[in-house]
Amino acid sequence: MIITEGECRLFTFKEGALSALGHDLVLRAARWSVDLRRESRTVTARVEAASVAVVCARRHGADDPDALSSGDRAKIERTARSEVLRTERFPEVVFEGRWDGDEPSVVGGALTLCGVTRPIEVQVSRADGRLVCRATVHQPSWGITPYHAMLGALRVQADVQVEWSLVGA
């Protein structure tokens, strides 16, 4: 079953001495698909890396849609695509996994990101008729140096939270 309805979001968090000047971010991948095969208990998820865009900033754990100017959004997206995800060289992010039992609760598998394939576990639950899948991606494990500015006094934490919300799964 190919699933394309739902949402794939990424959450980044700031740190460092000047973190008050930065923003936690919510990003969304616009182009993705999930091939869920219950009979073989396998899943393959694909994301077009260049489709990742900023949704909004977050302050104190809540979305703040007015915190970023359109110029800020464009700069963040350019940086994410060229320096972090390196989308020209690595246009696709792929997760391939499998689970035990009838209904997945933990899916173990391999994530290929920026040309590096590493094991990862995805936590799975149901909410509001959707299949919700969550994982933590430790950027350095995939050879990614988290974004930093001001000589490292403002930086993105190494762990990025990824959340899929799948309709019809």
C-alpha atoms as a PDB file:
ATOM      1  CA  MET A   1       0.000   0.000   0.000  1.00  0.00           C
ATOM      2  CA  ILE A   2       1.526   3.317  -1.102  1.00  0.00           C
ATOM      3  CA  ILE A   3       0.675   6.167   1.261  1.00  0.00           C
ATOM      4  CA  THR A   4       1.087   9.810   0.231  1.00  0.00           C
ATOM      5  CA  GLU A   5      -1.578  11.393   2.413  1.00  0.00           C
ATOM      6  CA  GLY A   6      -0.487  12.793   5.746  1.00  0.00           C
ATOM      7  CA  GLU A   7       2.497  14.788   6.850  1.00  0.00           C
ATOM      8  CA  CYS A   8       6.235  14.438   7.410  1.00  0.00           C
ATOM      9  CA  ARG A   9       7.575  17.005   9.869  1.00  0.00           C
ATOM     10  CA  LEU A  10      10.997  17.664  11.354  1.00  0.00           C
ATOM     11  CA  PHE A  11      11.681  19.497  14.599  1.00  0.00           C
ATOM     12  CA  THR A  12      15.012  21.204  15.285  1.00  0.00           C
ATOM     13  CA  PHE A  13      16.080  22.733  18.580  1.00  0.00           C
ATOM     14  CA  LYS A  14      18.597  25.480  19.285  1.00  0.00           C
ATOM     15  CA  GLU A  15      21.393  25.548  21.848  1.00  0.00           C
ATOM     16  CA  GLY A  16      24.453  27.574  22.758  1.00  0.00           C
ATOM     17  CA  ALA A  17      25.318  30.753  24.623  1.00  0.00           C
ATOM     18  CA  LEU A  18      23.377  32.886  22.129  1.00  0.00           C
ATOM     19  CA  SER A  19      20.455  30.496  21.678  1.00  0.00           C
ATOM     20  CA  ALA A  20      18.025  33.224  22.774  1.00  0.00           C
ATOM     21  CA  LEU A  21      18.703  34.847  19.388  1.00  0.00           C
ATOM     22  CA  GLY A  22      17.699  31.732  17.444  1.00  0.00           C
ATOM     23  CA  HIS A  23      14.559  29.691  16.958  1.00  0.00           C
ATOM     24  CA  ASP A  24      13.454  26.121  17.364  1.00  0.00           C
ATOM     25  CA  LEU A  25      11.973  25.175  13.996  1.00  0.00           C
ATOM     26  CA  VAL A  26       9.243  23.059  12.458  1.00  0.00           C
ATOM     27  CA  LEU A  27       9.998  21.928   8.907  1.00  0.00           C
ATOM     28  CA  ARG A  28       7.885  19.863   6.544  1.00  0.00           C
ATOM     29  CA  ALA A  29       8.717  17.630   3.601  1.00  0.00           C
ATOM     30  CA  ALA A  30       6.246  18.339   0.806  1.00  0.00           C
ATOM     31  CA  ARG A  31       7.127  15.367  -1.428  1.00  0.00           C
ATOM     32  CA  TRP A  32       7.305  11.914   0.130  1.00  0.00           C
ATOM     33  CA  SER A  33       5.795   8.441  -0.009  1.00  0.00           C
ATOM     34  CA  VAL A  34       5.529   5.415   2.259  1.00  0.00           C
ATOM     35  CA  ASP A  35       5.201   1.872   0.921  1.00  0.00           C
ATOM     36  CA  LEU A  36       3.660  -0.122   3.796  1.00  0.00           C
ATOM     37  CA  ARG A  37       3.409  -3.882   3.237  1.00  0.00           C
ATOM     38  CA  ARG A  38       1.582  -5.565   6.087  1.00  0.00           C
ATOM     39  CA  GLU A  39       1.869  -9.089   4.633  1.00  0.00           C
ATOM     40  CA  SER A  40       5.691  -8.948   4.686  1.00  0.00           C
ATOM     41  CA  ARG A  41       5.801  -6.512   7.642  1.00  0.00           C
ATOM     42  CA  THR A  42       8.052  -4.128   5.739  1.00  0.00           C
ATOM     43  CA  VAL A  43       8.037  -0.417   5.076  1.00  0.00           C
ATOM     44  CA  THR A  44       9.970   1.847   2.730  1.00  0.00           C
ATOM     45  CA  ALA A  45       9.697   5.606   3.164  1.00  0.00           C
ATOM     46  CA  ARG A  46      11.140   8.073   0.660  1.00  0.00           C
ATOM     47  CA  VAL A  47      11.532  11.837   0.996  1.00  0.00           C
ATOM     48  CA  GLU A  48      12.608  14.261  -1.695  1.00  0.00           C
ATOM     49  CA  ALA A  49      15.179  16.173   0.351  1.00  0.00           C
ATOM     50  CA  ALA A  50      14.802  19.415  -1.630  1.00  0.00           C
ATOM     51  CA  SER A  51      11.109  19.538  -0.673  1.00  0.00           C
ATOM     52  CA  VAL A  52      11.924  20.263   2.988  1.00  0.00           C
ATOM     53  CA  ALA A  53      10.653  23.737   3.879  1.00  0.00           C
ATOM     54  CA  VAL A  54      10.156  25.815   7.016  1.00  0.00           C
ATOM     55  CA  VAL A  55       6.651  25.718   8.487  1.00  0.00           C
ATOM     56  CA  CYS A  56       7.288  28.032  11.428  1.00  0.00           C
ATOM     57  CA  ALA A  57       9.442  28.812  14.418  1.00  0.00           C
ATOM     58  CA  ARG A  58       8.563  27.577  17.892  1.00  0.00           C
ATOM     59  CA  ARG A  59       8.907  29.480  21.154  1.00  0.00           C
ATOM     60  CA  HIS A  60       8.401  27.884  24.545  1.00  0.00           C
ATOM     61  CA  GLY A  61       7.086  24.720  22.879  1.00  0.00           C
ATOM     62  CA  ALA A  62       4.372  26.467  20.848  1.00  0.00           C
ATOM     63  CA  ASP A  63       4.245  27.331  17.149  1.00  0.00           C
ATOM     64  CA  ASP A  64       5.017  30.995  16.435  1.00  0.00           C
ATOM     65  CA  PRO A  65       4.086  31.580  12.777  1.00  0.00           C
ATOM     66  CA  ASP A  66       5.064  35.276  12.879  1.00  0.00           C
ATOM     67  CA  ALA A  67       8.588  34.844  14.294  1.00  0.00           C
ATOM     68  CA  LEU A  68      10.334  34.468  10.927  1.00  0.00           C
ATOM     69  CA  SER A  69      10.336  36.852   7.995  1.00  0.00           C
ATOM     70  CA  SER A  70      10.070  35.458   4.475  1.00  0.00           C
ATOM     71  CA  GLY A  71      13.764  36.295   4.059  1.00  0.00           C
ATOM     72  CA  ASP A  72      14.639  34.314   7.204  1.00  0.00           C
ATOM     73  CA  ARG A  73      12.641  31.332   5.925  1.00  0.00           C
ATOM     74  CA  ALA A  74      14.344  31.463   2.533  1.00  0.00           C
ATOM     75  CA  LYS A  75      17.807  31.635   4.120  1.00  0.00           C
ATOM     76  CA  ILE A  76      17.073  28.700   6.459  1.00  0.00           C
ATOM     77  CA  GLU A  77      15.747  26.606   3.564  1.00  0.00           C
ATOM     78  CA  ARG A  78      18.748  27.443   1.360  1.00  0.00           C
ATOM     79  CA  THR A  79      21.144  26.522   4.159  1.00  0.00           C
ATOM     80  CA  ALA A  80      19.289  23.294   4.978  1.00  0.00           C
ATOM     81  CA  ARG A  81      19.343  22.207   1.341  1.00  0.00           C
ATOM     82  CA  SER A  82      22.890  23.219   0.433  1.00  0.00           C
ATOM     83  CA  GLU A  83      24.903  22.825   3.657  1.00  0.00           C
ATOM     84  CA  VAL A  84      23.006  20.304   5.784  1.00  0.00           C
ATOM     85  CA  LEU A  85      21.127  17.917   3.472  1.00  0.00           C
ATOM     86  CA  ARG A  86      23.321  18.623   0.403  1.00  0.00           C
ATOM     87  CA  THR A  87      20.341  17.903  -1.829  1.00  0.00           C
ATOM     88  CA  GLU A  88      22.165  18.332  -5.156  1.00  0.00           C
ATOM     89  CA  ARG A  89      24.374  15.366  -4.286  1.00  0.00           C
ATOM     90  CA  PHE A  90      21.862  13.408  -2.179  1.00  0.00           C
ATOM     91  CA  PRO A  91      18.364  14.134  -3.529  1.00  0.00           C
ATOM     92  CA  GLU A  92      16.546  11.404  -1.605  1.00  0.00           C
ATOM     93  CA  VAL A  93      16.290  10.249   2.002  1.00  0.00           C
ATOM     94  CA  VAL A  94      15.211   6.594   2.368  1.00  0.00           C
ATOM     95  CA  PHE A  95      14.134   4.487   5.351  1.00  0.00           C
ATOM     96  CA  GLU A  96      13.700   0.728   4.952  1.00  0.00           C
ATOM     97  CA  GLY A  97      12.423  -1.255   7.903  1.00  0.00           C
ATOM     98  CA  ARG A  98      10.476  -4.200   9.215  1.00  0.00           C
ATOM     99  CA  TRP A  99       8.522  -5.090  12.336  1.00  0.00           C
ATOM    100  CA  ASP A 100       7.435  -8.132  14.322  1.00  0.00           C
ATOM    101  CA  GLY A 101       3.814  -8.874  15.172  1.00  0.00           C
ATOM    102  CA  ASP A 102       0.564  -7.847  13.536  1.00  0.00           C
ATOM    103  CA  GLU A 103       0.660  -4.130  14.290  1.00  0.00           C
ATOM    104  CA  PRO A 104       3.939  -2.214  14.326  1.00  0.00           C
ATOM    105  CA  SER A 105       4.927  -0.493  17.577  1.00  0.00           C
ATOM    106  CA  VAL A 106       8.659  -0.340  16.898  1.00  0.00           C
ATOM    107  CA  VAL A 107      10.061  -0.594  13.394  1.00  0.00           C
ATOM    108  CA  GLY A 108      13.767  -1.285  13.106  1.00  0.00           C
ATOM    109  CA  GLY A 109      15.559  -0.503   9.919  1.00  0.00           C
ATOM    110  CA  ALA A 110      18.114   1.517   8.029  1.00  0.00           C
ATOM    111  CA  LEU A 111      18.029   5.214   7.197  1.00  0.00           C
ATOM    112  CA  THR A 112      20.028   6.461   4.225  1.00  0.00           C
ATOM    113  CA  LEU A 113      20.702  10.168   4.616  1.00  0.00           C
ATOM    114  CA  CYS A 114      23.413  12.183   2.847  1.00  0.00           C
ATOM    115  CA  GLY A 115      24.831   8.984   1.381  1.00  0.00           C
ATOM    116  CA  VAL A 116      25.265   7.264   4.758  1.00  0.00           C
ATOM    117  CA  THR A 117      23.158   4.268   5.794  1.00  0.00           C
ATOM    118  CA  ARG A 118      22.781   3.603   9.520  1.00  0.00           C
ATOM    119  CA  PRO A 119      20.383   1.645  11.731  1.00  0.00           C
ATOM    120  CA  ILE A 120      17.515   3.480  13.391  1.00  0.00           C
ATOM    121  CA  GLU A 121      14.363   2.621  15.336  1.00  0.00           C
ATOM    122  CA  VAL A 122      11.004   4.235  14.670  1.00  0.00           C
ATOM    123  CA  GLN A 123       8.322   4.344  17.391  1.00  0.00           C
ATOM    124  CA  VAL A 124       4.818   3.789  16.010  1.00  0.00           C
ATOM    125  CA  SER A 125       1.426   4.561  17.556  1.00  0.00           C
ATOM    126  CA  ARG A 126      -2.127   5.355  16.466  1.00  0.00           C
ATOM    127  CA  ALA A 127      -3.784   8.720  17.045  1.00  0.00           C
ATOM    128  CA  ASP A 128      -6.977  10.145  15.535  1.00  0.00           C
ATOM    129  CA  GLY A 129      -7.152   7.411  12.895  1.00  0.00           C
ATOM    130  CA  ARG A 130      -3.590   8.009  11.756  1.00  0.00           C
ATOM    131  CA  LEU A 131      -0.429   5.997  12.081  1.00  0.00           C
ATOM    132  CA  VAL A 132       2.108   8.236  13.851  1.00  0.00           C
ATOM    133  CA  CYS A 133       5.784   7.348  13.454  1.00  0.00           C
ATOM    134  CA  ARG A 134       8.545   9.099  15.413  1.00  0.00           C
ATOM    135  CA  ALA A 135      12.320   8.831  15.327  1.00  0.00           C
ATOM    136  CA  THR A 136      15.331  10.778  16.533  1.00  0.00           C
ATOM    137  CA  VAL A 137      18.060  11.399  13.976  1.00  0.00           C
ATOM    138  CA  HIS A 138      21.457  12.191  15.506  1.00  0.00           C
ATOM    139  CA  GLN A 139      22.937  14.232  12.655  1.00  0.00           C
ATOM    140  CA  PRO A 140      26.636  13.398  13.276  1.00  0.00           C
ATOM    141  CA  SER A 141      25.823   9.677  12.940  1.00  0.00           C
ATOM    142  CA  TRP A 142      25.046  10.394   9.275  1.00  0.00           C
ATOM    143  CA  GLY A 143      28.082  12.623   8.757  1.00  0.00           C
ATOM    144  CA  ILE A 144      26.104  15.844   9.149  1.00  0.00           C
ATOM    145  CA  THR A 145      27.584  18.745  11.085  1.00  0.00           C
ATOM    146  CA  PRO A 146      24.678  20.526  12.773  1.00  0.00           C
ATOM    147  CA  TYR A 147      24.227  24.114  11.621  1.00  0.00           C
ATOM    148  CA  HIS A 148      26.039  26.709  13.727  1.00  0.00           C
ATOM    149  CA  ALA A 149      26.595  30.456  13.613  1.00  0.00           C
ATOM    150  CA  MET A 150      28.441  33.116  15.576  1.00  0.00           C
ATOM    151  CA  LEU A 151      31.475  30.878  16.149  1.00  0.00           C
ATOM    152  CA  GLY A 152      29.243  28.144  17.533  1.00  0.00           C
ATOM    153  CA  ALA A 153      27.539  30.332  20.131  1.00  0.00           C
ATOM    154  CA  LEU A 154      24.264  29.625  18.303  1.00  0.00           C
ATOM    155  CA  ARG A 155      23.727  26.139  16.928  1.00  0.00           C
ATOM    156  CA  VAL A 156      21.173  23.490  16.119  1.00  0.00           C
ATOM    157  CA  GLN A 157      21.186  20.529  18.504  1.00  0.00           C
ATOM    158  CA  ALA A 158      22.587  17.328  17.042  1.00  0.00           C
ATOM    159  CA  ASP A 159      19.278  15.460  17.511  1.00  0.00           C
ATOM    160  CA  VAL A 160      16.444  16.198  15.076  1.00  0.00           C
ATOM    161  CA  GLN A 161      12.979  14.772  15.759  1.00  0.00           C
ATOM    162  CA  VAL A 162      11.173  13.336  12.736  1.00  0.00           C
ATOM    163  CA  GLU A 163       7.431  12.662  12.790  1.00  0.00           C
ATOM    164  CA  TRP A 164       5.235  11.052  10.142  1.00  0.00           C
ATOM    165  CA  SER A 165       1.467  11.223  10.442  1.00  0.00           C
ATOM    166  CA  LEU A 166      -0.005   8.795   7.901  1.00  0.00           C
ATOM    167  CA  VAL A 167      -3.639   8.773   6.775  1.00  0.00           C
ATOM    168  CA  GLY A 168      -5.135   5.488   5.633  1.00  0.00           C
ATOM    169  CA  ALA A 169      -2.454   3.266   7.114  1.00  0.00           C
END
